[in-house]
Protein backbone atom coordinates (compact mmCIF):
# COMPACT_ATOMS: atom_id res chain seq x y z
CA MET A 1 0.27 0.21 -0.14
CA SER A 2 1.35 3.59 -0.90
CA LEU A 3 2.00 6.36 2.02
CA LEU A 4 -1.02 7.91 0.80
CA GLY A 5 -3.49 5.27 0.96
CA GLN A 6 -2.07 4.55 4.67
CA LEU A 7 -2.56 7.71 5.78
CA SER A 8 -5.96 7.72 4.41
CA GLN A 9 -6.71 4.29 6.31
CA ASP A 10 -5.55 5.79 9.50
CA LEU A 11 -7.56 8.53 9.37
CA ALA A 12 -10.69 6.70 8.52
CA SER A 13 -10.24 4.59 11.50
CA LEU A 14 -9.25 7.05 13.43
CA VAL A 15 -12.32 9.23 12.42
CA ALA A 16 -14.64 5.98 13.18
CA ARG A 17 -13.26 5.67 16.66
CA ALA A 18 -13.09 9.49 17.64
CA ALA A 19 -16.88 10.64 16.19
CA PRO A 20 -18.82 8.79 18.25
CA ALA A 21 -17.86 10.70 21.56
CA VAL A 22 -18.60 14.08 19.32
CA VAL A 23 -22.25 15.87 19.98
CA GLY A 24 -23.96 18.75 18.89
CA LEU A 25 -25.48 21.26 20.92
CA THR A 26 -28.69 23.75 20.17
CA HIS A 27 -30.10 26.41 21.51
CA ARG A 28 -31.95 29.46 20.88
CA ARG A 29 -29.19 31.57 19.53
CA GLY A 30 -27.40 28.68 17.33
CA GLN A 31 -25.48 25.89 17.84
CA GLY A 32 -22.04 24.17 18.64
CA SER A 33 -20.15 20.91 19.41
CA GLY A 34 -19.19 19.37 22.45
CA VAL A 35 -17.13 16.00 23.52
CA VAL A 36 -18.10 13.71 25.51
CA LEU A 37 -15.82 13.84 28.88
CA ALA A 38 -17.29 10.78 31.29
CA GLU A 39 -19.88 8.21 29.90
CA ASP A 40 -22.07 9.06 33.15
CA GLY A 41 -23.31 12.19 31.34
CA TYR A 42 -20.42 14.80 31.46
CA ILE A 43 -19.78 17.00 28.57
CA LEU A 44 -17.01 19.35 27.67
CA THR A 45 -17.97 22.32 25.27
CA ASN A 46 -17.52 26.33 24.82
CA SER A 47 -18.81 29.23 27.54
CA HIS A 48 -20.09 30.90 24.62
CA VAL A 49 -21.93 27.95 23.13
CA ALA A 50 -23.49 26.75 26.54
CA ARG A 51 -24.61 29.43 27.97
CA SER A 52 -27.98 30.00 26.96
CA PRO A 53 -31.31 31.33 28.89
CA ALA A 54 -33.64 29.09 27.12
CA GLY A 55 -31.90 25.75 27.60
CA LEU A 56 -29.86 23.72 25.95
CA ARG A 57 -30.47 20.08 23.78
CA VAL A 58 -27.88 17.67 23.00
CA ARG A 59 -27.79 15.84 20.24
CA LEU A 60 -26.00 12.47 20.45
CA SER A 61 -24.11 10.41 17.67
CA ASP A 62 -27.02 7.92 17.88
CA ALA A 63 -29.51 10.80 16.90
CA ASN A 64 -30.93 10.76 20.31
CA THR A 65 -31.57 14.65 21.47
CA LEU A 66 -31.51 15.22 25.04
CA PRO A 67 -32.32 17.86 27.78
CA GLY A 68 -28.39 19.48 28.81
CA ARG A 69 -28.02 21.19 31.93
CA LEU A 70 -25.17 23.57 32.39
CA LEU A 71 -22.84 22.45 35.74
CA GLY A 72 -20.61 25.46 35.37
CA ALA A 73 -18.83 27.83 32.56
CA ASP A 74 -15.44 30.03 32.85
CA ASP A 75 -15.75 32.60 30.41
CA ARG A 76 -11.93 33.26 30.76
CA THR A 77 -11.21 30.09 29.11
CA ASP A 78 -14.03 29.95 27.00
CA LEU A 79 -14.85 26.25 28.37
CA ALA A 80 -17.99 24.64 30.20
CA VAL A 81 -19.32 21.79 31.16
CA VAL A 82 -22.93 20.20 30.31
CA ARG A 83 -24.34 17.05 32.35
CA VAL A 84 -27.29 15.14 30.36
CA GLU A 85 -29.42 12.65 32.30
CA ALA A 86 -28.01 9.28 29.85
CA ARG A 87 -25.21 6.87 29.18
CA LEU A 88 -22.91 8.25 26.68
CA PRO A 89 -20.19 6.57 24.29
CA ALA A 90 -17.05 6.07 25.70
CA PRO A 91 -14.88 9.74 26.40
CA LEU A 92 -11.85 10.85 24.02
CA ALA A 93 -8.57 11.08 26.36
CA LEU A 94 -7.05 14.38 27.20
CA ALA A 95 -3.63 14.52 25.60
CA GLU A 96 -2.50 17.40 28.11
CA ALA A 97 1.09 15.68 29.13
CA ASP A 98 2.30 15.37 25.62
CA PRO A 99 3.86 18.55 24.11
CA LEU A 100 2.23 19.78 20.79
CA SER A 101 5.14 20.58 17.92
CA VAL A 102 3.85 23.17 14.89
CA GLY A 103 3.58 21.29 11.97
CA GLN A 104 1.74 18.28 13.90
CA LEU A 105 -1.56 16.73 12.19
CA VAL A 106 -4.61 17.36 13.74
CA VAL A 107 -8.39 16.54 13.25
CA ALA A 108 -11.11 18.98 13.88
CA ILE A 109 -14.32 16.97 14.26
CA GLY A 110 -17.83 19.44 15.01
CA ASN A 111 -21.03 20.66 13.55
CA PRO A 112 -20.26 23.22 11.13
CA LEU A 113 -23.21 25.08 10.09
CA GLY A 114 -25.47 21.93 11.50
CA PHE A 115 -23.44 19.43 9.57
CA GLU A 116 -23.10 16.77 12.20
CA ARG A 117 -19.51 15.32 12.59
CA SER A 118 -17.84 17.01 9.68
CA VAL A 119 -14.28 16.13 9.40
CA SER A 120 -11.69 18.29 8.49
CA LEU A 121 -7.68 17.65 8.13
CA GLY A 122 -4.63 20.25 9.36
CA VAL A 123 -1.96 21.11 11.18
CA VAL A 124 -0.65 22.84 14.02
CA SER A 125 0.36 26.14 12.44
CA ALA A 126 1.40 28.15 15.81
CA LEU A 127 1.29 27.58 19.48
CA PHE A 128 0.54 30.42 22.32
CA ARG A 129 -1.73 32.48 20.27
CA SER A 130 -3.90 35.26 22.04
CA LEU A 131 -6.76 35.94 20.79
CA PRO A 132 -9.52 39.00 22.05
CA THR A 133 -13.01 38.01 22.74
CA ASN A 134 -16.02 40.26 21.97
CA GLU A 135 -16.57 41.03 25.67
CA GLY A 136 -13.33 42.73 26.14
CA GLY A 137 -11.33 39.86 27.50
CA LEU A 138 -8.58 37.75 26.01
CA LEU A 139 -7.61 34.19 25.45
CA GLU A 140 -4.42 33.12 25.62
CA GLY A 141 -2.16 30.19 25.12
CA LEU A 142 -4.43 28.90 22.29
CA ILE A 143 -3.60 26.66 19.66
CA GLN A 144 -3.70 27.81 15.84
CA THR A 145 -4.44 25.37 12.86
CA ASP A 146 -5.69 25.48 9.53
CA ALA A 147 -7.89 22.69 9.86
CA ALA A 148 -11.32 24.01 8.36
CA VAL A 149 -13.07 25.78 11.53
CA ASN A 150 -16.49 27.16 10.72
CA PRO A 151 -20.03 28.40 13.33
CA GLY A 152 -20.70 25.52 14.77
CA ASN A 153 -17.38 23.61 15.45
CA SER A 154 -17.11 25.47 18.79
CA GLY A 155 -16.53 23.33 21.56
CA GLY A 156 -16.03 20.12 19.24
CA PRO A 157 -12.25 18.36 19.71
CA LEU A 158 -9.02 18.81 18.12
CA VAL A 159 -7.77 15.48 18.01
CA ASP A 160 -3.80 14.04 17.11
CA ALA A 161 -2.81 11.24 15.08
CA GLU A 162 -3.58 8.86 18.26
CA GLY A 163 -7.09 10.02 18.78
CA ARG A 164 -6.46 11.97 21.66
CA VAL A 165 -8.08 15.57 22.28
CA VAL A 166 -5.47 18.52 22.18
CA GLY A 167 -7.74 20.84 21.88
CA ILE A 168 -11.14 22.47 22.21
CA THR A 169 -12.16 24.41 19.24
CA THR A 170 -13.12 27.97 20.09
CA ALA A 171 -12.94 30.70 17.70
CA MET A 172 -12.17 31.61 14.00
CA LEU A 173 -11.59 34.52 12.33
CA ALA A 174 -14.68 35.83 10.11
CA TYR A 175 -12.03 37.72 7.61
CA ALA A 176 -9.57 35.18 7.49
CA SER A 177 -9.35 31.95 5.83
CA GLY A 178 -7.84 28.52 7.03
CA ILE A 179 -6.99 29.78 10.42
CA GLY A 180 -8.70 28.74 13.75
CA PHE A 181 -7.97 28.48 17.12
CA ALA A 182 -8.28 25.94 19.99
CA VAL A 183 -7.92 25.75 23.90
CA PRO A 184 -5.38 23.55 25.03
CA ALA A 185 -6.10 20.15 26.35
CA SER A 186 -3.86 21.19 29.44
CA THR A 187 -5.98 24.13 30.18
CA ALA A 188 -9.12 22.05 29.46
CA SER A 189 -8.47 19.15 31.83
CA TRP A 190 -8.14 21.09 35.08
CA VAL A 191 -10.98 23.77 33.74
CA ALA A 192 -13.51 20.54 33.59
CA ALA A 193 -11.73 19.04 36.48
CA VAL A 194 -13.39 22.37 38.73
CA LEU A 195 -16.27 23.00 36.88
CA ILE A 196 -17.73 19.54 37.67
CA GLN A 197 -16.66 19.80 41.49
CA LYS A 198 -17.27 23.56 42.11
CA GLY A 199 -19.50 24.97 38.98
CA GLU A 200 -16.93 28.11 38.68
CA ILE A 201 -13.41 28.74 38.81
CA ARG A 202 -12.77 31.02 41.65
CA ARG A 203 -9.02 32.58 40.95
CA PRO A 204 -7.34 34.00 43.86
CA PHE A 205 -6.33 37.38 43.57
CA LEU A 206 -2.07 37.94 43.06
CA GLY A 207 -2.03 41.56 41.76
CA ILE A 208 0.15 41.58 39.08
CA THR A 209 -0.19 42.22 35.49
CA ALA A 210 1.82 39.55 33.50
CA ARG A 211 2.55 37.85 29.91
CA GLY A 212 3.76 34.67 28.62
CA GLU A 213 6.36 34.76 26.43
CA ASP A 214 9.23 33.41 24.26
CA LEU A 215 12.55 33.73 26.14
CA GLY A 216 15.77 34.93 24.33
CA PRO A 217 18.40 32.03 23.65
CA GLU A 218 20.75 33.27 26.63
CA LEU A 219 17.71 33.21 29.06
CA ALA A 220 16.50 30.19 27.63
CA ALA A 221 19.36 28.47 27.96
CA GLN A 222 20.20 29.82 31.80
CA ALA A 223 16.28 28.76 32.91
CA GLY A 224 16.08 25.54 31.12
CA GLN A 225 12.99 26.26 29.44
CA PRO A 226 11.93 28.20 26.09
CA ARG A 227 9.23 30.29 27.43
CA ALA A 228 7.85 32.05 30.90
CA VAL A 229 5.73 34.22 32.45
CA ARG A 230 7.27 38.00 32.69
CA VAL A 231 5.93 40.30 35.31
CA LEU A 232 4.89 43.58 33.42
CA GLY A 233 3.35 45.41 36.80
CA VAL A 234 2.52 44.71 40.37
CA GLY A 235 -0.19 46.28 42.65
CA SER A 236 0.28 48.41 45.18
CA GLY A 237 -0.53 46.67 48.74
CA THR A 238 -1.03 43.52 46.74
CA PRO A 239 -0.11 39.88 47.60
CA ALA A 240 2.61 39.98 45.22
CA GLU A 241 4.05 43.23 46.31
CA GLU A 242 3.97 41.95 49.99
CA SER A 243 6.20 38.56 48.54
CA GLY A 244 9.04 41.03 47.14
CA LEU A 245 7.53 40.27 43.36
CA LEU A 246 8.70 42.73 41.21
CA ALA A 247 8.30 44.62 37.53
CA ASP A 248 10.22 42.54 34.86
CA ASP A 249 10.33 39.38 37.05
CA VAL A 250 10.36 36.26 34.71
CA LEU A 251 8.57 33.68 36.70
CA LEU A 252 9.96 29.83 35.36
CA ALA A 253 7.95 28.04 37.78
CA ALA A 254 5.03 27.72 40.92
CA ASN A 255 4.92 25.26 43.59
CA GLY A 256 7.75 23.43 41.10
CA ARG A 257 5.33 23.38 38.23
CA ARG A 258 6.86 24.96 34.93
CA VAL A 259 4.76 28.05 33.69
CA ALA A 260 5.12 29.14 29.96
CA THR A 261 1.45 31.08 30.14
CA VAL A 262 -0.43 33.23 32.59
CA ASP A 263 -2.87 30.23 32.17
CA ASP A 264 -0.18 27.88 33.77
CA LEU A 265 -0.08 30.00 36.65
CA GLN A 266 -3.75 30.59 37.31
CA ARG A 267 -3.92 26.73 37.03
CA VAL A 268 -1.29 26.43 40.26
CA LEU A 269 -3.09 29.55 41.99
CA VAL A 270 -6.35 27.29 41.78
CA LEU A 271 -5.45 24.45 42.74
CA SER A 272 -2.39 24.90 45.55
CA GLY A 273 -2.93 26.77 48.32
CA PRO A 274 -2.99 28.89 50.61
CA ASP A 275 0.62 29.77 49.72
CA VAL A 276 2.65 29.55 46.37
CA ARG A 277 6.39 29.24 45.83
CA LEU A 278 7.60 31.19 42.81
CA GLU A 279 10.95 30.29 41.10
CA LEU A 280 12.12 33.26 39.25
CA LYS A 281 14.89 35.14 37.40
CA ARG A 282 16.00 38.95 38.00
CA ARG A 283 18.51 40.39 36.27
CA GLY A 284 19.67 37.03 35.34
CA GLU A 285 19.75 35.85 39.01
CA ASP A 286 17.96 32.98 40.37
CA ARG A 287 15.40 34.03 43.09
CA GLN A 288 12.53 32.21 44.82
CA LEU A 289 9.70 33.97 46.70
CA VAL A 290 6.45 32.55 48.50
CA VAL A 291 3.33 34.57 47.93
CA ARG A 292 -0.06 33.59 49.66
CA PRO A 293 -2.62 35.04 47.29
CA VAL A 294 -6.45 36.02 48.46
CA SER A 295 -9.43 35.68 47.53
CA ARG A 296 -11.69 38.53 44.97
CA SER A 297 -13.70 39.52 47.94
CA GLN A 298 -10.76 40.17 50.35
CA ALA A 299 -8.58 42.21 47.74
CA ALA A 300 -12.06 44.23 46.78
């Protein structure tokens, strides 16, 4: 068999395994997609898909349509968890531990324009993209792909060659062709777990403005990692100031976990506590600081 024939056969097998775990979501304002998180009724999708005052309907791969209940949503990551009272197909694994590479093949599965479980093939075009939202927020650390993404794909999975979910499709640029974005599985995994448990993401207040950025060759060699989070500003009287953080500090790790994006830092702040140990570079020198974030109500 030719290489092209083998690739075609492998892709067909991949889609046959993955497609049953993709569902359609509809509400009065439109439609979207979702992916099965657990067989006992949990579905992962986008916040902008799941937030509907008129209720949700979930269409399964066997054409059954059921009412869906929003368990929790997080607009900061555009992720949500929906529950249905039914046994669902086997879920797809979230590939949160394996790093993606630019150029890696990926498959988007969803319900673009109402065409159920449509499949498109593409590559990872770029990593760590940022995209402003219509509400004035900023989605960070996104995967960019050239797999065809259209209205209705939102909330569906971006799948790697092993059939694992590497991202949750979140947005497209209406004025561009061949550019779509997905929330990485590393973010989707922890956000979904917290939403199932608590129904919302309560982000502790640290008191900094920051951004994830690529490090220069020299600093990357010193730090042992290609990306980190740079502190742009520190608020007066905040936990960050009290801990000794300064503007232009480069945060490398939090509680031993490397941070490449602001979301990586938020993950540690949400899941850890009460103290967070920060490893950082300051003017080329290694530093360690301990910070105790506070709740948003305490910071108000």
